[in-house]
Amino acid sequence: MTSQLDNAARTLAQSHFRTPRLGTPFQPRIDALARTQDWYNWAGCRAPHSLWDEELEYFAIRSQAALFDISPMTKYRIEGPDAEAFLDRVTLRDVTKLRPGRVHYTAWCDDEGFVLDDGTLFRLSPTRFRLCSQERHLPWLLDSALGVHVIVEDETEAVAGLALQGPTAFAVLRDAGFAGVEKLKIFGLAEFPHDGDTATISRTGFTGDLGYELFVPVDKALSLWDRLMAAGELRGIRAIGYTALNRARLEAGLIVANADFTTAEHAIRADRRRMPDEVGLGFMIDLEKGHFNGRRAILEARAKRKLRHVLVGLEIEGNIPAEHAIVYHKKSKDVGLVSAAMWSPTAKRNIAIASLARPYGDTVVEDLWVEIYAMRELQYQKLMKRAKVVARPFIKLDRRTANPPSDF
């Protein structure tokens, strides 16, 4: 019997590769559109890098309306009489200033002041919030909630989400019958009737463009997809994959956890962890509010000048993307690394996000170079290109914040 159990356990362990990645609530519609069959693993789900053409998918964001499945994004329901105080203690920004019907971008740290993750906090009512993030944090949130009158529940698999981004996004929602959606200002949210239930729509996104995010119960997912696609047919709505979204977010100067910086829980080497000030999130820190996770360590690092790194935007000569290129000072001293780069069709510039060792990129911003290896007739050619520190975002579109939203 023991031998049979051992064999069964061994067979199960060795057959893990046969277990397919999970589908999202929108998978039937996405699979039907997937011409490239270019998939990646997002939180255990089968998500598309691209669906039909990654270049044209990018231009769908900037000139039409792009639909992107955000269902695998981690979503926590945080509710109770102490929900505001709890979130104010574990996140950097002042939650008491976040009114019901509003969203803000925030981050949270461990006790040593190193960033655990960043994400968006939705205030659905005075006592109910939704926290969305890249990584999973349920054990940490539950431990932090001990002795607090609050409920923390992972609702990732119960709530389906879509991002609708691009200049015609508002027109699509209006034509789909979401009456009153024009009243939503940037970072506003509201609930709308949908298929006998409710859709929560926020004017948020990850593209730097006019855009919205929509959340519905999983059993209403396909009806929401069909409603948007039917309404957007004459507005050029197209489903897209992550590659196009990633290009748009880079133009917007937005960062991705464990891509542009390593989160504290994922860092194997202690020197890879980053404080908020080292990844461009220092603006979130509100010292006027009470205690929050990492406050003492962050203040000490500022006072004793222990901040070793800075995240910067770069503009690079030429048109060859410098992704993962080493950054040098005076072509000789290694001072940092590019984490994301592209030739921007909208900005008409060669742009990048890089993490540099201070004072480079901070006070020393002259004579910076990147080392690019470009394929030339089946042989890599080393190119040293000048780089200069520039402000983010790399593009700023007025339609993102226009109120009322533009009707294209």
Protein backbone atom coordinates (compact mmCIF):
# COMPACT_ATOMS: atom_id res chain seq x y z
CA MET A 1 0.00 0.00 0.00
CA THR A 2 2.82 2.39 0.93
CA SER A 3 4.55 1.65 -2.36
CA GLN A 4 1.35 2.37 -4.30
CA LEU A 5 0.89 5.69 -2.47
CA ASP A 6 4.51 6.60 -3.17
CA ASN A 7 4.08 5.80 -6.86
CA ALA A 8 0.86 7.84 -7.02
CA ALA A 9 2.56 10.80 -5.34
CA ARG A 10 5.54 10.52 -7.68
CA THR A 11 3.29 10.38 -10.74
CA LEU A 12 1.37 13.43 -9.56
CA ALA A 13 4.57 15.38 -8.89
CA GLN A 14 6.03 14.50 -12.29
CA SER A 15 2.87 15.38 -14.21
CA HIS A 16 2.66 18.99 -13.04
CA PHE A 17 3.56 20.19 -16.50
CA ARG A 18 0.33 18.68 -17.82
CA THR A 19 -1.74 20.97 -15.60
CA PRO A 20 -2.94 23.82 -17.82
CA ARG A 21 -2.82 27.41 -16.72
CA LEU A 22 -6.09 28.74 -15.45
CA GLY A 23 -8.45 30.64 -17.67
CA THR A 24 -9.97 33.98 -16.73
CA PRO A 25 -13.74 34.66 -16.88
CA PHE A 26 -13.13 36.24 -20.32
CA GLN A 27 -11.07 33.32 -21.68
CA PRO A 28 -13.66 32.08 -24.21
CA ARG A 29 -13.72 35.48 -25.91
CA ILE A 30 -9.95 35.95 -25.73
CA ASP A 31 -9.22 32.47 -27.11
CA ALA A 32 -11.51 33.16 -30.05
CA LEU A 33 -9.44 36.24 -30.95
CA ALA A 34 -5.98 34.80 -30.29
CA ARG A 35 -4.26 34.57 -33.66
CA THR A 36 -0.67 34.75 -32.43
CA GLN A 37 -1.08 32.16 -29.62
CA ASP A 38 1.52 34.13 -27.66
CA TRP A 39 0.79 33.45 -24.00
CA TYR A 40 2.44 34.11 -20.66
CA ASN A 41 1.73 33.22 -17.04
CA TRP A 42 0.00 35.95 -15.03
CA ALA A 43 -0.68 34.76 -11.48
CA GLY A 44 -1.33 31.25 -12.77
CA CYS A 45 -3.60 32.40 -15.59
CA ARG A 46 -3.06 32.09 -19.33
CA ALA A 47 -2.72 35.68 -20.47
CA PRO A 48 -1.79 36.98 -23.94
CA HIS A 49 1.41 38.84 -24.80
CA SER A 50 -0.43 39.68 -28.00
CA LEU A 51 -3.63 38.59 -29.74
CA TRP A 52 -3.27 39.64 -33.36
CA ASP A 53 -0.41 42.14 -33.85
CA GLU A 54 1.48 43.74 -30.98
CA GLU A 55 2.33 46.88 -32.97
CA LEU A 56 -1.25 47.51 -34.07
CA GLU A 57 -2.50 46.67 -30.59
CA TYR A 58 -0.38 49.52 -29.25
CA PHE A 59 -1.88 51.91 -31.80
CA ALA A 60 -5.36 50.73 -30.79
CA ILE A 61 -4.63 52.21 -27.36
CA ARG A 62 -3.48 55.53 -28.74
CA SER A 63 -6.00 55.99 -31.57
CA GLN A 64 -9.09 53.87 -30.79
CA ALA A 65 -10.21 51.86 -27.77
CA ALA A 66 -8.33 48.88 -26.39
CA LEU A 67 -9.82 46.17 -24.17
CA PHE A 68 -7.45 44.36 -21.79
CA ASP A 69 -8.34 41.60 -19.34
CA ILE A 70 -7.16 42.54 -15.82
CA SER A 71 -8.96 39.71 -14.01
CA PRO A 72 -5.73 38.05 -12.74
CA MET A 73 -4.80 41.24 -10.89
CA THR A 74 -4.96 40.57 -7.15
CA LYS A 75 -8.03 42.14 -5.54
CA TYR A 76 -8.76 42.33 -1.81
CA ARG A 77 -12.01 43.37 -0.17
CA ILE A 78 -11.20 45.26 3.04
CA GLU A 79 -14.29 46.15 5.01
CA GLY A 80 -15.33 47.07 8.53
CA PRO A 81 -15.54 49.96 11.01
CA ASP A 82 -11.72 50.08 11.27
CA ALA A 83 -11.01 49.64 7.54
CA GLU A 84 -9.91 53.26 7.05
CA ALA A 85 -7.61 53.24 10.08
CA PHE A 86 -6.19 49.84 9.10
CA LEU A 87 -5.34 50.90 5.54
CA ASP A 88 -3.98 54.22 6.78
CA ARG A 89 -1.54 52.28 8.95
CA VAL A 90 -0.33 49.76 6.35
CA THR A 91 -0.12 52.04 3.27
CA LEU A 92 1.89 55.19 2.60
CA ARG A 93 -0.80 57.69 1.60
CA ASP A 94 -3.35 59.31 3.89
CA VAL A 95 -6.46 57.18 3.50
CA THR A 96 -8.57 59.62 5.50
CA LYS A 97 -8.32 61.99 2.52
CA LEU A 98 -9.68 59.33 0.13
CA ARG A 99 -13.40 60.00 -0.20
CA PRO A 100 -15.99 57.34 -1.09
CA GLY A 101 -16.23 57.11 -4.86
CA ARG A 102 -12.53 57.86 -5.34
CA VAL A 103 -9.36 55.89 -6.12
CA HIS A 104 -5.72 56.60 -5.34
CA TYR A 105 -2.39 55.06 -6.28
CA THR A 106 -0.45 53.93 -3.23
CA ALA A 107 2.24 51.57 -1.97
CA TRP A 108 3.10 49.70 1.20
CA CYS A 109 6.32 48.77 2.98
CA ASP A 110 7.69 46.30 5.49
CA ASP A 111 8.87 47.44 8.91
CA GLU A 112 12.31 48.27 7.50
CA GLY A 113 10.83 50.70 5.02
CA PHE A 114 11.32 48.57 1.89
CA VAL A 115 8.56 48.49 -0.69
CA LEU A 116 6.39 45.36 -0.64
CA ASP A 117 4.24 46.41 -3.59
CA ASP A 118 2.29 49.24 -5.16
CA GLY A 119 -1.31 49.29 -6.31
CA THR A 120 -4.62 51.09 -6.39
CA LEU A 121 -7.00 51.59 -3.49
CA PHE A 122 -10.71 51.99 -4.32
CA ARG A 123 -12.99 53.46 -1.66
CA LEU A 124 -16.37 51.94 -2.44
CA SER A 125 -18.11 53.25 0.70
CA PRO A 126 -17.12 54.78 4.06
CA THR A 127 -16.27 51.31 5.40
CA ARG A 128 -15.55 49.24 2.27
CA PHE A 129 -12.42 49.28 0.13
CA ARG A 130 -10.88 47.27 -2.71
CA LEU A 131 -7.08 47.01 -2.83
CA CYS A 132 -5.60 45.92 -6.17
CA SER A 133 -1.97 44.87 -6.55
CA GLN A 134 0.52 42.91 -8.61
CA GLU A 135 1.55 40.42 -5.92
CA ARG A 136 -0.41 38.46 -3.32
CA HIS A 137 -0.34 39.76 0.25
CA LEU A 138 -3.16 37.99 2.08
CA PRO A 139 -1.06 36.50 4.94
CA TRP A 140 0.63 39.86 5.55
CA LEU A 141 -2.69 41.73 5.49
CA LEU A 142 -4.31 39.22 7.85
CA ASP A 143 -1.37 39.41 10.27
CA SER A 144 -1.54 43.20 10.17
CA ALA A 145 -5.29 43.08 10.90
CA LEU A 146 -4.98 41.21 14.21
CA GLY A 147 -6.99 43.04 16.86
CA VAL A 148 -8.60 45.33 14.30
CA HIS A 149 -12.32 45.33 13.43
CA VAL A 150 -11.87 44.65 9.75
CA ILE A 151 -12.54 41.85 7.25
CA VAL A 152 -9.85 41.07 4.67
CA GLU A 153 -10.93 38.77 1.85
CA ASP A 154 -9.25 37.76 -1.39
CA GLU A 155 -11.86 38.36 -4.09
CA THR A 156 -9.55 37.90 -7.10
CA GLU A 157 -11.43 34.89 -8.45
CA ALA A 158 -14.86 36.33 -7.62
CA VAL A 159 -14.46 39.61 -9.50
CA ALA A 160 -13.72 39.93 -13.22
CA GLY A 161 -12.01 43.05 -14.52
CA LEU A 162 -11.45 44.83 -17.83
CA ALA A 163 -9.39 47.88 -18.73
CA LEU A 164 -10.89 49.98 -21.53
CA GLN A 165 -8.25 52.47 -22.67
CA GLY A 166 -7.89 54.94 -25.51
CA PRO A 167 -9.44 58.11 -26.96
CA THR A 168 -12.78 56.49 -27.84
CA ALA A 169 -13.14 54.71 -24.46
CA PHE A 170 -15.70 57.16 -23.11
CA ALA A 171 -17.79 57.03 -26.29
CA VAL A 172 -17.84 53.23 -26.11
CA LEU A 173 -19.14 53.28 -22.53
CA ARG A 174 -21.75 55.90 -23.36
CA ASP A 175 -22.92 53.97 -26.43
CA ALA A 176 -23.03 50.81 -24.31
CA GLY A 177 -25.68 52.48 -22.15
CA PHE A 178 -23.70 53.34 -19.02
CA ALA A 179 -25.68 56.52 -18.41
CA GLY A 180 -23.86 59.08 -16.30
CA VAL A 181 -20.36 57.75 -16.97
CA GLU A 182 -19.45 61.20 -18.34
CA LYS A 183 -19.61 62.50 -14.75
CA LEU A 184 -16.60 60.44 -13.71
CA LYS A 185 -13.51 62.59 -13.21
CA ILE A 186 -10.00 61.17 -13.20
CA PHE A 187 -9.67 58.68 -10.30
CA GLY A 188 -13.43 58.71 -9.73
CA LEU A 189 -15.60 55.59 -9.52
CA ALA A 190 -19.29 54.74 -9.53
CA GLU A 191 -21.61 51.76 -9.83
CA PHE A 192 -23.81 51.17 -12.88
CA PRO A 193 -26.52 48.59 -13.65
CA HIS A 194 -25.36 45.67 -15.77
CA ASP A 195 -27.18 42.47 -16.69
CA GLY A 196 -29.34 42.40 -13.55
CA ASP A 197 -26.36 43.20 -11.33
CA THR A 198 -23.82 45.98 -10.85
CA ALA A 199 -20.65 47.04 -12.66
CA THR A 200 -18.13 49.20 -10.82
CA ILE A 201 -16.45 51.59 -13.26
CA SER A 202 -13.48 53.78 -12.37
CA ARG A 203 -11.72 56.35 -14.50
CA THR A 204 -8.32 54.76 -14.05
CA GLY A 205 -5.81 52.82 -16.09
CA PHE A 206 -2.20 51.96 -16.82
CA THR A 207 -1.71 53.69 -20.16
CA GLY A 208 -1.58 57.44 -19.50
CA ASP A 209 -4.56 57.78 -21.83
CA LEU A 210 -8.27 58.37 -21.44
CA GLY A 211 -9.37 55.14 -19.85
CA TYR A 212 -11.56 53.18 -17.48
CA GLU A 213 -11.48 49.97 -15.47
CA LEU A 214 -14.62 47.88 -15.05
CA PHE A 215 -15.31 45.23 -12.41
CA VAL A 216 -18.23 42.77 -12.35
CA PRO A 217 -19.06 39.44 -10.69
CA VAL A 218 -17.53 36.58 -12.67
CA ASP A 219 -20.90 35.31 -13.90
CA LYS A 220 -21.50 38.69 -15.61
CA ALA A 221 -18.10 38.79 -17.31
CA LEU A 222 -19.03 37.55 -20.79
CA SER A 223 -22.12 39.74 -20.98
CA LEU A 224 -19.94 42.76 -20.13
CA TRP A 225 -17.41 41.85 -22.82
CA ASP A 226 -20.15 41.41 -25.43
CA ARG A 227 -21.82 44.67 -24.40
CA LEU A 228 -18.59 46.64 -24.84
CA MET A 229 -17.56 44.96 -28.09
CA ALA A 230 -20.98 45.56 -29.66
CA ALA A 231 -21.05 49.21 -28.58
CA GLY A 232 -17.47 49.79 -29.69
CA GLU A 233 -17.63 48.23 -33.14
CA LEU A 234 -17.92 51.61 -34.89
CA ARG A 235 -15.37 53.16 -32.50
CA GLY A 236 -12.58 50.74 -33.43
CA ILE A 237 -12.55 48.73 -30.20
CA ARG A 238 -9.96 45.95 -30.20
CA ALA A 239 -8.81 43.42 -27.62
CA ILE A 240 -5.10 43.62 -26.82
CA GLY A 241 -2.33 41.76 -24.98
CA TYR A 242 0.25 42.83 -22.42
CA THR A 243 3.03 43.87 -24.83
CA ALA A 244 0.99 46.79 -26.15
CA LEU A 245 -0.12 47.78 -22.64
CA ASN A 246 3.48 47.65 -21.42
CA ARG A 247 4.58 50.06 -24.14
CA ALA A 248 1.83 52.50 -23.26
CA ARG A 249 2.64 52.39 -19.54
CA LEU A 250 6.31 53.09 -20.27
CA GLU A 251 5.37 56.19 -22.25
CA ALA A 252 3.26 57.22 -19.26
CA GLY A 253 6.32 56.77 -17.02
CA LEU A 254 4.59 54.16 -14.84
CA ILE A 255 6.52 51.43 -13.06
CA VAL A 256 5.90 47.70 -12.63
CA ALA A 257 6.77 45.78 -9.46
CA ASN A 258 9.42 43.09 -9.99
CA ALA A 259 10.23 44.59 -13.36
CA ASP A 260 11.42 48.11 -12.58
CA PHE A 261 12.20 47.30 -8.96
CA THR A 262 12.34 44.15 -6.84
CA THR A 263 9.79 43.95 -4.05
CA ALA A 264 11.03 43.21 -0.54
CA GLU A 265 9.46 39.74 -0.40
CA HIS A 266 11.01 38.71 -3.74
CA ALA A 267 14.50 40.08 -3.15
CA ILE A 268 17.04 37.32 -2.53
CA ARG A 269 19.89 39.76 -1.99
CA ALA A 270 19.35 42.40 0.69
CA ASP A 271 20.88 45.16 -1.43
CA ARG A 272 18.20 44.65 -4.10
CA ARG A 273 15.41 45.94 -1.87
CA ARG A 274 14.26 49.51 -2.41
CA MET A 275 12.68 52.22 -0.29
CA PRO A 276 9.90 54.39 -1.77
CA ASP A 277 12.27 57.32 -2.35
CA GLU A 278 14.52 55.03 -4.40
CA VAL A 279 11.80 54.05 -6.89
CA GLY A 280 10.05 57.37 -7.38
CA LEU A 281 7.31 56.73 -4.80
CA GLY A 282 8.49 59.18 -2.18
CA PHE A 283 5.68 61.58 -3.09
CA MET A 284 3.22 59.17 -1.49
CA ILE A 285 4.73 59.41 1.98
CA ASP A 286 2.51 61.52 4.22
CA LEU A 287 4.38 62.44 7.38
CA GLU A 288 1.41 64.44 8.67
CA LYS A 289 -0.56 61.30 9.40
CA GLY A 290 0.13 58.89 12.24
CA HIS A 291 2.27 55.77 12.30
CA PHE A 292 2.46 53.59 9.21
CA ASN A 293 4.56 50.58 8.31
CA GLY A 294 8.17 51.58 7.69
CA ARG A 295 7.77 55.21 8.83
CA ARG A 296 10.67 55.20 11.30
CA ALA A 297 13.05 53.49 8.86
CA ILE A 298 12.12 55.83 6.00
CA LEU A 299 12.68 58.93 8.13
CA GLU A 300 16.02 57.59 9.36
CA ALA A 301 17.16 56.85 5.80
CA ARG A 302 16.27 60.37 4.75
CA ALA A 303 17.96 61.97 7.74
CA LYS A 304 21.15 59.92 7.51
CA ARG A 305 21.25 59.96 3.70
CA LYS A 306 21.09 56.20 3.41
CA LEU A 307 19.14 56.30 0.15
CA ARG A 308 21.45 54.63 -2.34
CA HIS A 309 19.45 54.56 -5.57
CA VAL A 310 17.19 56.69 -7.74
CA LEU A 311 14.74 55.71 -10.48
CA VAL A 312 14.90 58.03 -13.48
CA GLY A 313 13.55 58.55 -16.94
CA LEU A 314 16.13 58.58 -19.72
CA GLU A 315 16.14 59.88 -23.26
CA ILE A 316 18.70 58.04 -25.38
CA GLU A 317 20.20 59.08 -28.70
CA GLY A 318 19.25 57.05 -31.74
CA ASN A 319 16.23 54.81 -32.15
CA ILE A 320 17.43 51.43 -30.87
CA PRO A 321 15.69 50.47 -27.60
CA ALA A 322 18.11 50.13 -24.69
CA GLU A 323 16.19 47.49 -22.75
CA HIS A 324 18.29 45.95 -19.94
CA ALA A 325 21.29 48.04 -20.99
CA ILE A 326 23.98 48.96 -18.47
CA VAL A 327 24.25 52.68 -17.76
CA TYR A 328 27.75 54.16 -17.52
CA HIS A 329 29.22 57.44 -16.39
CA LYS A 330 31.90 58.71 -18.78
CA LYS A 331 31.71 55.38 -20.63
CA SER A 332 33.65 53.65 -17.87
CA LYS A 333 31.90 53.49 -14.48
CA ASP A 334 28.89 51.17 -14.20
CA VAL A 335 26.23 53.25 -12.42
CA GLY A 336 22.92 51.47 -13.10
CA LEU A 337 20.63 49.41 -15.27
CA VAL A 338 17.77 50.10 -17.68
CA SER A 339 14.65 48.13 -16.71
CA ALA A 340 12.32 49.17 -19.55
CA ALA A 341 12.97 50.87 -22.88
CA MET A 342 11.39 51.56 -26.26
CA TRP A 343 11.28 53.86 -29.23
CA SER A 344 8.11 55.82 -28.48
CA PRO A 345 5.90 56.34 -31.54
CA THR A 346 3.89 58.97 -29.68
CA ALA A 347 6.74 60.90 -28.05
CA LYS A 348 9.03 60.36 -31.08
CA ARG A 349 11.87 59.70 -28.65
CA ASN A 350 14.03 56.77 -27.55
CA ILE A 351 12.97 56.45 -23.90
CA ALA A 352 13.81 54.29 -20.90
CA ILE A 353 13.36 53.84 -17.17
CA ALA A 354 16.55 53.09 -15.25
CA SER A 355 17.68 52.54 -11.68
CA LEU A 356 20.91 54.40 -10.95
CA ALA A 357 23.23 54.52 -7.97
CA ARG A 358 23.26 57.92 -6.30
CA PRO A 359 24.55 60.54 -6.95
CA TYR A 360 24.27 59.51 -10.61
CA GLY A 361 20.89 60.46 -11.96
CA ASP A 362 20.33 62.56 -8.85
CA THR A 363 22.91 65.35 -8.72
CA VAL A 364 25.33 63.94 -11.30
CA VAL A 365 23.32 63.82 -14.54
CA GLU A 366 25.92 64.67 -17.17
CA ASP A 367 27.99 62.35 -19.34
CA LEU A 368 25.73 59.28 -18.97
CA TRP A 369 25.89 56.50 -21.58
CA VAL A 370 24.08 53.23 -22.23
CA GLU A 371 25.62 50.10 -23.69
CA ILE A 372 23.36 48.58 -26.34
CA TYR A 373 23.97 45.40 -28.29
CA ALA A 374 22.27 45.58 -31.69
CA MET A 375 22.01 42.70 -34.14
CA ARG A 376 23.72 43.57 -37.42
CA GLU A 377 23.69 40.83 -40.09
CA LEU A 378 23.77 37.94 -37.60
CA GLN A 379 26.35 39.59 -35.39
CA TYR A 380 25.91 41.72 -32.32
CA GLN A 381 27.42 45.18 -32.49
CA LYS A 382 28.17 47.09 -29.31
CA LEU A 383 26.83 50.66 -29.37
CA MET A 384 27.56 53.32 -26.76
CA LYS A 385 24.78 55.91 -26.88
CA ARG A 386 24.42 59.12 -24.92
CA ALA A 387 21.63 59.29 -22.35
CA LYS A 388 20.16 62.21 -20.47
CA VAL A 389 17.87 62.26 -17.45
CA VAL A 390 14.41 63.57 -18.33
CA ALA A 391 11.14 63.99 -16.47
CA ARG A 392 8.42 61.38 -16.46
CA PRO A 393 5.84 60.93 -17.90
CA PHE A 394 7.41 60.91 -21.34
CA ILE A 395 4.06 61.88 -22.86
CA LYS A 396 1.19 63.81 -21.34
CA LEU A 397 -2.19 63.55 -23.05
CA ASP A 398 -4.77 66.18 -22.15
CA ARG A 399 -7.61 63.75 -22.89
CA ARG A 400 -6.57 61.61 -19.91
CA THR A 401 -7.82 64.22 -17.45
CA ALA A 402 -10.26 66.22 -19.60
CA ASN A 403 -13.55 66.84 -17.85
CA PRO A 404 -16.01 66.03 -19.29
CA PRO A 405 -14.12 63.35 -21.20
CA SER A 406 -13.46 63.93 -24.87
CA ASP A 407 -15.86 62.41 -27.37
CA PHE A 408 -13.90 60.93 -30.29
